[in-house]
Structures are given as structure tokens and as C-alpha cells.
Amino acid sequence: MTPLLIGMTLLLSVTMVAAALLATRGRQSLPISILAAGLVGLLASVQYLLLAAPDVAMTEAAIGSGLTTFLFFFVLGRVRGGERD
């Protein structure tokens, strides 16, 4: 591995850990935690791309960050919509 690839992998790993901590330990609103969890999936897909696994990277980007984040926001909207009834 080249030093540039090692540096990028380390930077992505640290950013993923920070986003995961924000998602799990964040005292902010629930949408910020959902976005932080989606960011972890997106950074994981970039990490897979750097490790020469483009098929896994596309799947992680589509499912891990895209569909899951959309589903969480959809359910959050439905749950909050039910509180007004």
C-alpha cells in the first residue's frame, strides 16, 4: 500500500468513528443522528472503493447510506405524524 492510500484509509476510519459516535451518543435531534448513521455508510462505501471492491462499495452506498437513511426518515415522519392525531 502506498503512503497516500494508508493516509486516506486512516482519515476515513477516524471520520467514520467520529460519525458513529455522533450517531450513537449525540444529544442533538434524531434527524442529526440519522444523518450521521448515513454518513457512516457513505464513508464505508468510499473505504471499500479504496480497497478495490467496487461491487461492495456500490451495494453499501445504495443500501447502507441511501435506502436505510430514507427508510429511517420515512418512519420518523410517520411516527411524528401519528403524535398529532
Protein backbone atom coordinates (compact mmCIF):
# COMPACT_ATOMS: atom_id res chain seq x y z
CA MET A 1 0.00 0.00 0.00
CA THR A 2 1.20 3.46 -0.80
CA PRO A 3 1.54 6.10 1.94
CA LEU A 4 -1.26 8.13 0.32
CA LEU A 5 -3.64 5.16 0.46
CA ILE A 6 -2.71 4.48 4.08
CA GLY A 7 -3.30 8.13 4.98
CA MET A 8 -6.67 8.23 3.24
CA THR A 9 -7.72 4.97 4.90
CA LEU A 10 -6.73 6.30 8.30
CA LEU A 11 -8.55 9.59 7.73
CA LEU A 12 -11.70 7.79 6.60
CA SER A 13 -11.54 5.44 9.58
CA VAL A 14 -11.23 8.29 12.07
CA THR A 15 -14.08 10.17 10.39
CA MET A 16 -16.25 7.03 10.46
CA VAL A 17 -15.64 6.58 14.18
CA ALA A 18 -16.47 10.23 14.84
CA ALA A 19 -19.70 9.98 12.83
CA ALA A 20 -20.63 6.75 14.60
CA LEU A 21 -20.10 8.39 17.97
CA LEU A 22 -22.24 11.31 16.85
CA ALA A 23 -24.96 8.90 15.73
CA THR A 24 -24.98 6.87 18.94
CA ARG A 25 -24.05 9.35 21.62
CA GLY A 26 -25.37 12.53 20.09
CA ARG A 27 -27.59 14.59 22.35
CA GLN A 28 -28.95 16.51 19.39
CA SER A 29 -32.09 15.81 17.48
CA LEU A 30 -32.97 12.48 15.98
CA PRO A 31 -32.55 13.64 12.34
CA ILE A 32 -28.91 14.54 13.02
CA SER A 33 -28.31 11.05 14.39
CA ILE A 34 -29.94 9.52 11.30
CA LEU A 35 -27.77 11.64 9.00
CA ALA A 36 -24.65 10.67 10.96
CA ALA A 37 -25.54 6.99 10.57
CA GLY A 38 -25.98 7.55 6.83
CA LEU A 39 -22.59 9.25 6.74
CA VAL A 40 -21.01 6.16 8.28
CA GLY A 41 -22.46 4.06 5.46
CA LEU A 42 -21.27 6.52 2.83
CA LEU A 43 -17.75 6.62 4.26
CA ALA A 44 -17.72 2.83 4.43
CA SER A 45 -18.55 2.70 0.73
CA VAL A 46 -15.63 5.03 -0.05
CA GLN A 47 -13.42 2.81 2.10
CA TYR A 48 -14.49 -0.26 0.11
CA LEU A 49 -13.77 1.60 -3.10
CA LEU A 50 -10.24 2.41 -1.91
CA LEU A 51 -9.74 -1.25 -1.02
CA ALA A 52 -10.59 -2.23 -4.64
CA ALA A 53 -14.03 -3.70 -4.01
CA PRO A 54 -16.30 -1.59 -6.24
CA ASP A 55 -19.22 -4.04 -6.16
CA VAL A 56 -19.35 -3.97 -2.37
CA ALA A 57 -18.93 -0.18 -2.45
CA MET A 58 -21.94 0.30 -4.73
CA THR A 59 -24.07 -2.00 -2.60
CA GLU A 60 -23.06 -0.23 0.61
CA ALA A 61 -23.76 3.17 -0.91
CA ALA A 62 -27.17 2.13 -2.18
CA ILE A 63 -28.36 0.17 0.82
CA GLY A 64 -26.22 1.34 3.74
CA SER A 65 -26.42 5.06 3.23
CA GLY A 66 -29.21 5.64 0.73
CA LEU A 67 -32.09 3.29 1.40
CA THR A 68 -31.59 2.95 5.14
CA THR A 69 -31.41 6.70 5.70
CA PHE A 70 -34.52 7.23 3.57
CA LEU A 71 -36.36 4.50 5.47
CA PHE A 72 -35.43 5.99 8.85
CA PHE A 73 -36.68 9.42 7.79
CA PHE A 74 -39.87 7.92 6.36
CA VAL A 75 -40.61 6.07 9.60
CA LEU A 76 -39.72 9.14 11.66
CA GLY A 77 -42.20 11.20 9.65
CA ARG A 78 -44.91 8.58 10.12
CA VAL A 79 -44.29 8.31 13.86
CA ARG A 80 -44.26 12.07 14.36
CA GLY A 81 -47.36 12.38 12.18
CA GLY A 82 -49.20 9.94 14.46
CA GLU A 83 -48.49 12.06 17.54
CA ARG A 84 -50.80 14.80 16.25
CA ASP A 85 -53.84 12.51 15.93
